[in-house]
Amino acid sequence: MSKYLVTGGAGYIGGVVALHLLEAGHRVTVLDNLSTGFRESVPAAAEFIEGDVRDAAKWLCPSYDAVLHFAAFSQVGESVARPEKYWENNVGGSLALLAAMRDAEVRTLVFSSTAATYGEPDRAPVTESAPTVPTNPYGATKLAVDHMLTGEAAAHGLAAISLRYFNVAGAYGGQGERHQPESHLIPLLFEVALGRRESISVYGDDYPTPDGTCVRDYIHVADLAEAHLLALAAARTGEHLICNLGNGQGFSVREVIETVRDVTGHPLPQALAPRRPGDPAVLVAAAQAASDRLGWRPRRPELTRIVADAWEFARSARSVGSTGSPR
């Protein structure tokens, strides 16, 4: 049994990872200020501290074996409108967390990074050696933390692994997506199916893809969580490893819409809209490093499985209210 601090563990991914750690027999403390997370998303068996990651030194002590760091703002549009909010929290919070870890002699960190660090890749699948040219402050702050971890590992012996996610979806253990505002395709489609939205916007149908719509890599949140547990075991002193996480295959916007139609039984009206600036035609991960170094492969790659699990959560969450979480 190990003891882990999960920052941002009241969020979607952090909550699912915390649950996986508990199911593996570990002790878990969740640190979250609930600015975007939900108290009911913290697993019942976890200790909960309502607090800010910038104050982690108040609670971090040598009894912890590692930290899993999810505490970040992640809305791309908001990061463009309010970049200072993202630099202060995502970078400032991470800097404070690393200082607290040094003081407490906690020497292992798994960091929730993002494919947004790559910006608009000119080839697919995207490998970890692709140029990192983020196109928004959100991606830039995550990349800054990645650089921070490289220096921390070299100078202070930190064992660090950054996991760069592509599109995360699905649900696990009563935990699913609840962003405010919502910007992800699958939960937006559920809003149409549940009568909260009239139609779904398709941004461009003239991309150089088989059906003209953008292609994205979707990964089940439970597969993502399993990668974090493997990363804890694979982290090595003085090394900062970066791994992409994805299925390695892409699904177009139209394929996702058709799959959600099949799962929900709803017609899902569409409205064609102009292309959005900065949307690459194809964004798919090459996850060979995660396979080689972590021993990880996605076990739930089917889009129907991902959508069905997410839909079960969306319907259950609706039955208990927009801010409730089914158990």
Protein backbone atom coordinates (compact mmCIF):
# COMPACT_ATOMS: atom_id res chain seq x y z
CA MET A 1 0.00 0.00 0.00
CA SER A 2 1.29 3.45 -0.96
CA LYS A 3 0.00 6.90 -0.11
CA TYR A 4 -0.70 9.40 -2.89
CA LEU A 5 -1.72 13.04 -3.12
CA VAL A 6 -4.03 13.71 -6.07
CA THR A 7 -4.29 17.42 -6.86
CA GLY A 8 -7.43 18.30 -8.80
CA GLY A 9 -8.98 14.99 -7.77
CA ALA A 10 -12.50 16.43 -7.74
CA GLY A 11 -12.37 16.78 -11.52
CA TYR A 12 -13.32 14.28 -14.22
CA ILE A 13 -9.97 12.62 -14.87
CA GLY A 14 -8.51 13.18 -11.40
CA GLY A 15 -11.55 11.59 -9.80
CA VAL A 16 -11.35 8.49 -11.99
CA VAL A 17 -7.62 8.14 -11.30
CA ALA A 18 -8.22 8.51 -7.54
CA LEU A 19 -10.82 5.76 -7.74
CA HIS A 20 -8.39 3.45 -9.58
CA LEU A 21 -5.72 4.07 -6.95
CA LEU A 22 -8.16 3.15 -4.19
CA GLU A 23 -9.26 0.03 -6.04
CA ALA A 24 -5.60 -0.98 -6.26
CA GLY A 25 -5.40 -0.83 -2.45
CA HIS A 26 -3.62 2.51 -2.01
CA ARG A 27 -4.38 5.40 0.33
CA VAL A 28 -5.45 8.59 -1.45
CA THR A 29 -5.74 12.21 -0.42
CA VAL A 30 -7.50 14.55 -2.85
CA LEU A 31 -6.56 18.23 -2.82
CA ASP A 32 -8.98 20.43 -4.75
CA ASN A 33 -10.34 23.96 -4.33
CA LEU A 34 -13.61 22.97 -6.08
CA SER A 35 -13.39 25.94 -8.47
CA THR A 36 -14.21 23.61 -11.37
CA GLY A 37 -14.50 20.22 -9.67
CA PHE A 38 -17.33 18.64 -7.69
CA ARG A 39 -17.16 17.45 -4.12
CA GLU A 40 -19.24 14.38 -4.97
CA SER A 41 -16.65 13.37 -7.59
CA VAL A 42 -14.14 12.64 -4.82
CA PRO A 43 -14.30 8.90 -4.07
CA ALA A 44 -15.83 8.19 -0.67
CA ALA A 45 -12.77 6.27 0.53
CA ALA A 46 -10.37 9.14 -0.20
CA GLU A 47 -9.38 11.79 2.30
CA PHE A 48 -10.46 15.20 1.00
CA ILE A 49 -8.77 18.54 1.57
CA GLU A 50 -10.51 21.61 0.19
CA GLY A 51 -7.59 23.85 -0.65
CA ASP A 52 -5.48 25.37 -3.39
CA VAL A 53 -2.55 23.60 -5.02
CA ARG A 54 -0.48 26.74 -4.42
CA ASP A 55 -0.79 25.98 -0.70
CA ALA A 56 0.23 22.32 -1.01
CA ALA A 57 3.07 22.83 1.48
CA LYS A 58 0.44 23.03 4.25
CA TRP A 59 -0.45 19.38 3.79
CA LEU A 60 2.34 17.61 1.90
CA CYS A 61 4.66 15.60 4.14
CA PRO A 62 7.18 12.75 3.82
CA SER A 63 4.48 10.12 4.38
CA TYR A 64 3.38 10.56 0.76
CA ASP A 65 5.00 8.32 -1.84
CA ALA A 66 4.09 10.41 -4.88
CA VAL A 67 1.89 13.18 -6.26
CA LEU A 68 -0.45 12.95 -9.25
CA HIS A 69 -1.05 16.49 -10.51
CA PHE A 70 -4.34 17.35 -12.26
CA ALA A 71 -5.02 20.79 -10.76
CA ALA A 72 -5.26 23.06 -13.80
CA PHE A 73 -7.70 25.19 -15.74
CA SER A 74 -8.29 23.64 -19.16
CA GLN A 75 -10.70 25.73 -21.25
CA VAL A 76 -8.90 26.83 -24.41
CA GLY A 77 -11.22 29.75 -25.17
CA GLU A 78 -11.03 31.09 -21.63
CA SER A 79 -7.24 30.83 -21.72
CA VAL A 80 -7.21 33.16 -24.74
CA ALA A 81 -9.51 35.66 -23.02
CA ARG A 82 -7.86 35.42 -19.58
CA PRO A 83 -4.28 34.19 -20.04
CA GLU A 84 -3.19 35.58 -16.66
CA LYS A 85 -5.58 33.19 -14.90
CA TYR A 86 -3.92 30.23 -16.61
CA TRP A 87 -0.33 31.33 -16.02
CA GLU A 88 -1.02 32.03 -12.36
CA ASN A 89 -2.79 28.75 -11.64
CA ASN A 90 -1.31 26.22 -14.05
CA VAL A 91 2.29 27.41 -13.89
CA GLY A 92 2.34 29.20 -10.54
CA GLY A 93 0.50 26.33 -8.88
CA SER A 94 2.87 23.75 -10.33
CA LEU A 95 5.90 25.76 -9.24
CA ALA A 96 4.56 25.95 -5.69
CA LEU A 97 3.77 22.22 -5.74
CA LEU A 98 7.33 21.34 -6.78
CA ALA A 99 8.73 23.47 -3.96
CA ALA A 100 6.45 21.70 -1.49
CA MET A 101 7.57 18.33 -2.83
CA ARG A 102 11.23 19.26 -2.38
CA ASP A 103 10.63 20.38 1.19
CA ALA A 104 8.67 17.21 2.01
CA GLU A 105 11.15 14.98 0.15
CA VAL A 106 8.41 13.52 -2.03
CA ARG A 107 10.31 12.62 -5.18
CA THR A 108 7.80 11.17 -7.68
CA LEU A 109 5.29 13.10 -9.81
CA VAL A 110 2.89 12.10 -12.57
CA PHE A 111 1.70 15.17 -14.47
CA SER A 112 -1.50 15.60 -16.45
CA SER A 113 -0.25 17.21 -19.66
CA THR A 114 -2.01 17.62 -23.01
CA ALA A 115 -1.77 17.26 -26.77
CA ALA A 116 -2.38 21.02 -26.89
CA THR A 117 1.38 21.38 -26.33
CA TYR A 118 1.87 20.34 -29.98
CA GLY A 119 -0.34 23.08 -31.41
CA GLU A 120 -1.22 22.25 -35.03
CA PRO A 121 0.95 19.23 -36.00
CA ASP A 122 1.74 18.92 -39.69
CA ARG A 123 1.72 15.12 -39.65
CA ALA A 124 -0.09 12.23 -37.99
CA PRO A 125 0.19 10.22 -35.88
CA VAL A 126 1.85 12.65 -33.48
CA THR A 127 4.96 11.40 -31.70
CA GLU A 128 6.64 12.88 -28.63
CA SER A 129 9.39 14.25 -30.88
CA ALA A 130 6.94 16.44 -32.82
CA PRO A 131 7.55 20.20 -32.50
CA THR A 132 5.79 21.76 -29.52
CA VAL A 133 4.23 24.99 -30.78
CA PRO A 134 1.07 25.57 -28.72
CA THR A 135 -1.48 27.92 -30.24
CA ASN A 136 -3.19 29.05 -27.03
CA PRO A 137 -2.21 29.94 -23.46
CA TYR A 138 -3.65 26.71 -22.09
CA GLY A 139 -1.26 24.60 -24.17
CA ALA A 140 1.59 27.03 -23.46
CA THR A 141 1.12 26.72 -19.69
CA LYS A 142 1.15 22.94 -19.86
CA LEU A 143 4.30 23.02 -21.98
CA ALA A 144 5.91 25.39 -19.48
CA VAL A 145 5.28 22.87 -16.71
CA ASP A 146 6.78 20.11 -18.84
CA HIS A 147 9.95 22.21 -19.19
CA MET A 148 9.83 22.88 -15.45
CA LEU A 149 9.77 19.15 -14.73
CA THR A 150 12.74 18.49 -17.00
CA GLY A 151 14.81 20.97 -15.01
CA GLU A 152 13.53 19.69 -11.66
CA ALA A 153 14.46 16.11 -12.55
CA ALA A 154 17.97 17.08 -13.65
CA ALA A 155 18.70 19.42 -10.75
CA HIS A 156 16.89 17.77 -7.85
CA GLY A 157 16.43 14.12 -8.76
CA LEU A 158 12.67 14.23 -9.33
CA ALA A 159 11.17 11.13 -10.94
CA ALA A 160 8.61 12.67 -13.30
CA ILE A 161 6.34 11.45 -16.06
CA SER A 162 4.15 13.74 -18.16
CA LEU A 163 1.19 12.08 -19.86
CA ARG A 164 -0.06 14.02 -22.87
CA TYR A 165 -3.74 13.27 -23.48
CA PHE A 166 -5.57 13.65 -26.73
CA ASN A 167 -9.42 13.35 -26.52
CA VAL A 168 -10.64 11.74 -23.28
CA ALA A 169 -14.20 10.43 -23.05
CA GLY A 170 -16.28 7.69 -21.46
CA ALA A 171 -17.13 7.21 -17.80
CA TYR A 172 -16.15 4.94 -14.93
CA GLY A 173 -17.53 4.24 -11.48
CA GLY A 174 -20.16 6.95 -11.65
CA GLN A 175 -17.64 9.54 -12.85
CA GLY A 176 -18.12 11.32 -16.18
CA GLU A 177 -17.61 14.61 -17.97
CA ARG A 178 -19.25 17.72 -16.51
CA HIS A 179 -17.53 20.81 -17.83
CA GLN A 180 -18.91 24.30 -17.36
CA PRO A 181 -19.12 25.48 -20.07
CA GLU A 182 -19.08 22.27 -22.09
CA SER A 183 -16.89 22.26 -25.20
CA HIS A 184 -16.27 18.56 -25.94
CA LEU A 185 -18.09 16.88 -28.81
CA ILE A 186 -19.54 13.77 -27.13
CA PRO A 187 -21.13 15.52 -24.13
CA LEU A 188 -22.39 18.26 -26.47
CA LEU A 189 -24.11 15.57 -28.54
CA PHE A 190 -25.67 14.22 -25.35
CA GLU A 191 -27.07 17.69 -24.67
CA VAL A 192 -28.88 17.44 -28.00
CA ALA A 193 -30.12 13.94 -27.19
CA LEU A 194 -31.35 15.10 -23.77
CA GLY A 195 -33.21 18.08 -25.22
CA ARG A 196 -30.91 20.79 -23.86
CA ARG A 197 -29.62 21.85 -27.28
CA GLU A 198 -31.41 21.95 -30.64
CA SER A 199 -28.58 20.72 -32.86
CA ILE A 200 -24.85 20.07 -33.03
CA SER A 201 -22.55 22.34 -35.04
CA VAL A 202 -20.18 20.68 -37.48
CA TYR A 203 -17.30 23.06 -38.06
CA GLY A 204 -16.27 22.45 -41.65
CA ASP A 205 -16.89 19.52 -44.00
CA ASP A 206 -14.16 20.16 -46.55
CA TYR A 207 -11.10 18.86 -44.72
CA PRO A 208 -8.75 16.39 -46.49
CA THR A 209 -10.26 13.43 -44.60
CA PRO A 210 -12.45 10.54 -45.83
CA ASP A 211 -15.73 12.32 -45.01
CA GLY A 212 -14.50 15.92 -44.95
CA THR A 213 -14.75 16.41 -41.18
CA CYS A 214 -11.96 16.57 -38.62
CA VAL A 215 -10.51 13.33 -37.27
CA ARG A 216 -9.63 12.99 -33.59
CA ASP A 217 -8.19 10.30 -31.32
CA TYR A 218 -10.54 9.27 -28.49
CA ILE A 219 -9.39 7.39 -25.39
CA HIS A 220 -11.53 5.88 -22.64
CA VAL A 221 -11.02 7.61 -19.28
CA ALA A 222 -10.50 4.23 -17.57
CA ASP A 223 -7.66 3.40 -19.97
CA LEU A 224 -6.20 6.79 -19.17
CA ALA A 225 -6.41 6.10 -15.43
CA GLU A 226 -4.62 2.78 -15.84
CA ALA A 227 -1.75 4.58 -17.55
CA HIS A 228 -1.28 6.76 -14.47
CA LEU A 229 -0.86 3.74 -12.20
CA LEU A 230 1.66 2.26 -14.61
CA ALA A 231 3.49 5.60 -14.72
CA LEU A 232 3.92 5.58 -10.93
CA ALA A 233 5.74 2.26 -11.22
CA ALA A 234 7.83 3.35 -14.22
CA ALA A 235 9.07 6.73 -12.89
CA ARG A 236 12.84 6.86 -12.46
CA THR A 237 14.91 9.21 -10.29
CA GLY A 238 16.40 12.10 -12.26
CA GLU A 239 14.34 11.40 -15.38
CA HIS A 240 11.44 13.28 -16.92
CA LEU A 241 9.63 11.00 -19.34
CA ILE A 242 6.93 12.29 -21.72
CA CYS A 243 4.37 9.87 -23.16
CA ASN A 244 1.43 10.46 -25.47
CA LEU A 245 -1.78 8.63 -24.59
CA GLY A 246 -4.27 7.77 -27.30
CA ASN A 247 -5.82 4.93 -29.26
CA GLY A 248 -3.57 5.51 -32.23
CA GLN A 249 -6.61 5.64 -34.48
CA GLY A 250 -8.93 8.47 -35.30
CA PHE A 251 -12.67 8.96 -35.60
CA SER A 252 -14.17 11.76 -37.67
CA VAL A 253 -16.78 14.17 -36.35
CA ARG A 254 -19.39 12.45 -38.51
CA GLU A 255 -18.36 9.01 -37.23
CA VAL A 256 -18.77 10.23 -33.66
CA ILE A 257 -22.19 11.68 -34.46
CA GLU A 258 -23.34 8.42 -36.07
CA THR A 259 -22.08 6.40 -33.09
CA VAL A 260 -23.90 8.66 -30.63
CA ARG A 261 -27.05 8.33 -32.78
CA ASP A 262 -26.81 4.55 -32.60
CA VAL A 263 -26.22 4.52 -28.83
CA THR A 264 -28.84 7.12 -27.85
CA GLY A 265 -31.46 6.46 -30.52
CA HIS A 266 -31.74 10.22 -31.10
CA PRO A 267 -31.60 11.75 -34.63
CA LEU A 268 -29.13 14.49 -33.54
CA PRO A 269 -29.81 17.32 -36.01
CA GLN A 270 -26.66 18.94 -37.43
CA ALA A 271 -25.86 22.50 -38.45
CA LEU A 272 -22.92 23.08 -40.75
CA ALA A 273 -20.70 25.94 -39.57
CA PRO A 274 -17.48 27.49 -40.95
CA ARG A 275 -14.15 25.98 -40.00
CA ARG A 276 -12.71 27.12 -36.69
CA PRO A 277 -9.28 28.75 -36.91
CA GLY A 278 -6.52 26.40 -35.75
CA ASP A 279 -8.42 23.13 -36.14
CA PRO A 280 -6.02 20.57 -37.71
CA ALA A 281 -7.62 18.07 -40.08
CA VAL A 282 -6.23 15.05 -38.21
CA LEU A 283 -4.99 14.81 -34.63
CA VAL A 284 -4.08 11.26 -33.67
CA ALA A 285 -1.56 10.03 -31.11
CA ALA A 286 1.37 7.71 -31.59
CA ALA A 287 1.50 6.00 -28.18
CA GLN A 288 4.51 3.73 -28.73
CA ALA A 289 6.48 5.33 -25.89
CA ALA A 290 3.68 4.54 -23.43
CA SER A 291 3.68 0.96 -24.69
CA ASP A 292 7.46 0.58 -24.49
CA ARG A 293 8.14 2.41 -21.23
CA LEU A 294 4.93 1.93 -19.25
CA GLY A 295 3.66 -1.35 -20.66
CA TRP A 296 0.38 0.40 -21.48
CA ARG A 297 -2.15 -0.30 -24.20
CA PRO A 298 -5.75 0.87 -24.31
CA ARG A 299 -8.13 -1.96 -23.38
CA ARG A 300 -11.33 -0.15 -24.37
CA PRO A 301 -10.54 1.35 -27.82
CA GLU A 302 -13.98 0.88 -29.40
CA LEU A 303 -15.84 4.14 -29.94
CA THR A 304 -19.17 2.45 -29.21
CA ARG A 305 -17.92 1.36 -25.77
CA ILE A 306 -16.60 4.85 -25.01
CA VAL A 307 -19.88 6.50 -26.04
CA ALA A 308 -22.10 3.93 -24.29
CA ASP A 309 -20.29 4.36 -20.97
CA ALA A 310 -20.47 8.14 -21.27
CA TRP A 311 -24.17 8.01 -22.18
CA GLU A 312 -24.98 5.89 -19.13
CA PHE A 313 -23.36 8.53 -16.92
CA ALA A 314 -25.10 11.41 -18.73
CA ARG A 315 -28.54 9.86 -18.25
CA SER A 316 -27.85 9.00 -14.61
CA ALA A 317 -26.51 12.47 -13.87
CA ARG A 318 -29.64 13.98 -15.43
CA SER A 319 -31.86 11.87 -13.17
CA VAL A 320 -30.26 13.35 -10.03
CA GLY A 321 -29.90 16.93 -11.30
CA SER A 322 -27.30 18.85 -13.24
CA THR A 323 -24.91 19.14 -10.30
CA GLY A 324 -25.42 15.67 -8.87
CA SER A 325 -23.34 12.58 -9.51
CA PRO A 326 -24.80 9.10 -9.53
CA ARG A 327 -23.31 6.52 -7.22
